[in-house]
């Protein structure tokens, strides 16, 4: 569980996402990250869903990055 919390914290910092927004977009729960800090144990399926969200978001951000910097892709 600590691993997924660390991954989420690093992801949010890298992508400048508030934890509440991350929770809402990833699992439709704005209190998801604070709950993890308080000892909440996510189900395996929830962890998979979070990891899939992060992978898709990162891929989308990488695809947008050249356009946002004015570089042709």
N, C-alpha and C. Protein backbone atom coordinates (compact mmCIF):
# COMPACT_ATOMS: atom_id res chain seq x y z
N UNK A 1 0.82 -1.19 0.00
CA UNK A 1 0.00 0.00 0.00
C UNK A 1 0.87 1.25 0.00
N UNK A 2 1.95 1.25 0.76
CA UNK A 2 2.84 2.41 0.77
C UNK A 2 3.39 2.69 -0.62
N UNK A 3 3.61 1.63 -1.38
CA UNK A 3 4.16 1.79 -2.73
C UNK A 3 3.19 2.57 -3.60
N UNK A 4 1.92 2.20 -3.60
CA UNK A 4 0.95 2.90 -4.45
C UNK A 4 0.79 4.35 -3.99
N UNK A 5 0.82 4.59 -2.71
CA UNK A 5 0.72 5.96 -2.20
C UNK A 5 1.92 6.78 -2.69
N UNK A 6 3.09 6.22 -2.61
CA UNK A 6 4.29 6.90 -3.09
C UNK A 6 4.20 7.18 -4.59
N UNK A 7 3.74 6.19 -5.34
CA UNK A 7 3.57 6.38 -6.79
C UNK A 7 2.61 7.52 -7.08
N UNK A 8 1.51 7.55 -6.36
CA UNK A 8 0.50 8.60 -6.56
C UNK A 8 1.08 9.97 -6.21
N UNK A 9 1.76 10.07 -5.09
CA UNK A 9 2.34 11.35 -4.68
C UNK A 9 3.34 11.86 -5.71
N UNK A 10 4.19 10.97 -6.21
CA UNK A 10 5.17 11.36 -7.22
C UNK A 10 4.48 11.76 -8.52
N UNK A 11 3.45 11.01 -8.89
CA UNK A 11 2.69 11.30 -10.10
C UNK A 11 2.03 12.68 -10.00
N UNK A 12 1.40 12.94 -8.88
CA UNK A 12 0.73 14.24 -8.70
C UNK A 12 1.73 15.39 -8.74
N UNK A 13 2.88 15.20 -8.14
CA UNK A 13 3.91 16.24 -8.17
C UNK A 13 4.40 16.47 -9.59
N UNK A 14 4.67 15.40 -10.30
CA UNK A 14 5.19 15.51 -11.67
C UNK A 14 4.19 16.20 -12.60
N UNK A 15 2.93 15.84 -12.47
CA UNK A 15 1.90 16.36 -13.38
C UNK A 15 1.13 17.55 -12.80
N UNK A 16 1.58 18.03 -11.65
CA UNK A 16 0.97 19.18 -10.99
C UNK A 16 -0.54 19.00 -10.82
N UNK A 17 -0.91 17.85 -10.29
CA UNK A 17 -2.31 17.54 -10.02
C UNK A 17 -2.56 17.60 -8.52
N UNK A 18 -3.66 18.18 -8.14
CA UNK A 18 -4.07 18.11 -6.74
C UNK A 18 -4.51 16.68 -6.46
N UNK A 19 -4.27 16.24 -5.26
CA UNK A 19 -4.62 14.87 -4.89
C UNK A 19 -6.12 14.64 -4.98
N UNK A 20 -6.90 15.64 -4.68
CA UNK A 20 -8.36 15.48 -4.78
C UNK A 20 -8.79 15.28 -6.23
N UNK A 21 -8.16 16.01 -7.13
CA UNK A 21 -8.48 15.84 -8.56
C UNK A 21 -8.03 14.46 -9.03
N UNK A 22 -6.85 14.05 -8.59
CA UNK A 22 -6.37 12.73 -8.95
C UNK A 22 -7.38 11.67 -8.52
N UNK A 23 -7.82 11.75 -7.27
CA UNK A 23 -8.78 10.77 -6.77
C UNK A 23 -10.08 10.77 -7.54
N UNK A 24 -10.57 11.96 -7.87
CA UNK A 24 -11.81 12.07 -8.62
C UNK A 24 -11.67 11.46 -10.01
N UNK A 25 -10.58 11.78 -10.70
CA UNK A 25 -10.40 11.28 -12.05
C UNK A 25 -10.04 9.80 -12.10
N UNK A 26 -9.27 9.34 -11.14
CA UNK A 26 -8.81 7.95 -11.17
C UNK A 26 -9.87 6.97 -10.65
N UNK A 27 -10.52 7.32 -9.53
CA UNK A 27 -11.45 6.37 -8.90
C UNK A 27 -12.75 7.01 -8.44
N UNK A 28 -12.99 8.24 -8.89
CA UNK A 28 -14.22 8.95 -8.53
C UNK A 28 -14.39 9.11 -7.02
N UNK A 29 -13.27 9.46 -6.36
CA UNK A 29 -13.29 9.61 -4.90
C UNK A 29 -12.25 10.66 -4.52
N UNK A 30 -12.70 11.86 -4.19
CA UNK A 30 -11.76 12.93 -3.87
C UNK A 30 -10.98 12.68 -2.58
N UNK A 31 -11.46 11.79 -1.74
CA UNK A 31 -10.76 11.51 -0.48
C UNK A 31 -9.91 10.23 -0.57
N UNK A 32 -9.68 9.75 -1.77
CA UNK A 32 -8.93 8.50 -1.95
C UNK A 32 -7.51 8.59 -1.39
N UNK A 33 -6.75 9.62 -1.77
CA UNK A 33 -5.35 9.73 -1.33
C UNK A 33 -5.26 9.98 0.18
N UNK A 34 -6.03 10.92 0.73
CA UNK A 34 -5.99 11.07 2.19
C UNK A 34 -6.37 9.78 2.91
N UNK A 35 -7.31 9.05 2.34
CA UNK A 35 -7.70 7.77 2.94
C UNK A 35 -6.55 6.78 2.96
N UNK A 36 -5.76 6.76 1.91
CA UNK A 36 -4.59 5.87 1.89
C UNK A 36 -3.62 6.25 3.00
N UNK A 37 -3.43 7.55 3.19
CA UNK A 37 -2.53 8.02 4.25
C UNK A 37 -3.03 7.61 5.63
N UNK A 38 -4.33 7.51 5.76
CA UNK A 38 -4.91 7.15 7.05
C UNK A 38 -5.00 5.64 7.26
N UNK A 39 -4.48 4.88 6.32
CA UNK A 39 -4.45 3.44 6.49
C UNK A 39 -5.44 2.66 5.65
N UNK A 40 -6.20 3.34 4.83
CA UNK A 40 -7.15 2.65 3.95
C UNK A 40 -6.40 1.69 3.04
N UNK A 41 -6.90 0.49 2.91
CA UNK A 41 -6.29 -0.54 2.07
C UNK A 41 -7.11 -0.70 0.79
N UNK A 42 -6.57 -0.27 -0.33
CA UNK A 42 -7.34 -0.41 -1.58
C UNK A 42 -7.35 -1.86 -2.05
N UNK A 43 -8.39 -2.22 -2.74
CA UNK A 43 -8.47 -3.55 -3.34
C UNK A 43 -7.49 -3.63 -4.50
N UNK A 44 -7.13 -4.84 -4.85
CA UNK A 44 -6.20 -5.05 -5.95
C UNK A 44 -6.74 -4.41 -7.24
N UNK A 45 -8.02 -4.55 -7.48
CA UNK A 45 -8.64 -3.99 -8.69
C UNK A 45 -8.54 -2.46 -8.68
N UNK A 46 -8.68 -1.86 -7.51
CA UNK A 46 -8.55 -0.40 -7.41
C UNK A 46 -7.13 0.03 -7.70
N UNK A 47 -6.16 -0.69 -7.20
CA UNK A 47 -4.76 -0.38 -7.48
C UNK A 47 -4.50 -0.49 -8.98
N UNK A 48 -5.04 -1.51 -9.61
CA UNK A 48 -4.87 -1.67 -11.05
C UNK A 48 -5.51 -0.50 -11.81
N UNK A 49 -6.68 -0.10 -11.37
CA UNK A 49 -7.39 1.02 -11.99
C UNK A 49 -6.58 2.31 -11.87
N UNK A 50 -6.00 2.52 -10.70
CA UNK A 50 -5.17 3.71 -10.47
C UNK A 50 -3.94 3.68 -11.38
N UNK A 51 -3.30 2.53 -11.47
CA UNK A 51 -2.11 2.42 -12.31
C UNK A 51 -2.45 2.61 -13.78
N UNK A 52 -3.58 2.10 -14.20
CA UNK A 52 -4.02 2.30 -15.59
C UNK A 52 -4.30 3.78 -15.86
N UNK A 53 -4.94 4.44 -14.91
CA UNK A 53 -5.20 5.86 -15.04
C UNK A 53 -3.89 6.63 -15.19
N UNK A 54 -2.91 6.34 -14.33
CA UNK A 54 -1.64 7.06 -14.37
C UNK A 54 -0.92 6.83 -15.70
N UNK A 55 -0.95 5.61 -16.20
CA UNK A 55 -0.29 5.31 -17.47
C UNK A 55 -0.96 6.06 -18.62
N UNK A 56 -2.27 6.05 -18.64
CA UNK A 56 -3.00 6.74 -19.71
C UNK A 56 -2.81 8.25 -19.62
N UNK A 57 -2.84 8.79 -18.43
CA UNK A 57 -2.67 10.23 -18.24
C UNK A 57 -1.27 10.65 -18.66
N UNK A 58 -0.27 9.89 -18.26
CA UNK A 58 1.12 10.20 -18.62
C UNK A 58 1.31 10.14 -20.13
N UNK A 59 0.74 9.12 -20.77
CA UNK A 59 0.86 9.00 -22.23
C UNK A 59 0.20 10.19 -22.92
N UNK A 60 -0.94 10.60 -22.43
CA UNK A 60 -1.65 11.74 -22.98
C UNK A 60 -0.84 13.02 -22.77
N UNK A 61 -0.26 13.18 -21.60
CA UNK A 61 0.55 14.37 -21.31
C UNK A 61 1.78 14.40 -22.20
N UNK A 62 2.40 13.24 -22.42
CA UNK A 62 3.57 13.18 -23.29
C UNK A 62 3.21 13.54 -24.72
N UNK A 63 2.05 13.13 -25.16
CA UNK A 63 1.61 13.42 -26.52
C UNK A 63 1.29 14.92 -26.68
N UNK A 64 0.79 15.54 -25.62
CA UNK A 64 0.45 16.97 -25.67
C UNK A 64 1.68 17.85 -25.55
N UNK A 65 2.71 17.39 -24.89
CA UNK A 65 3.87 18.22 -24.55
C UNK A 65 4.50 18.91 -25.75
N UNK A 66 4.79 18.24 -26.86
CA UNK A 66 5.41 18.95 -27.99
C UNK A 66 4.52 20.06 -28.55
N UNK A 67 3.24 19.85 -28.62
CA UNK A 67 2.32 20.87 -29.12
C UNK A 67 2.27 22.08 -28.18
N UNK A 68 2.30 21.81 -26.90
CA UNK A 68 2.22 22.89 -25.92
C UNK A 68 3.48 23.73 -25.94
N UNK A 69 4.60 23.14 -26.32
CA UNK A 69 5.86 23.89 -26.41
C UNK A 69 6.04 24.52 -27.79
N UNK A 70 5.08 24.28 -28.70
CA UNK A 70 5.18 24.85 -30.02
C UNK A 70 6.08 24.06 -30.96
N UNK A 71 6.33 22.79 -30.64
CA UNK A 71 7.16 21.93 -31.45
C UNK A 71 6.28 21.02 -32.27
N UNK A 72 6.57 20.89 -33.54
CA UNK A 72 5.79 19.98 -34.39
C UNK A 72 6.10 18.55 -34.02
N UNK A 73 5.07 17.75 -33.95
CA UNK A 73 5.24 16.33 -33.58
C UNK A 73 5.59 15.50 -34.78
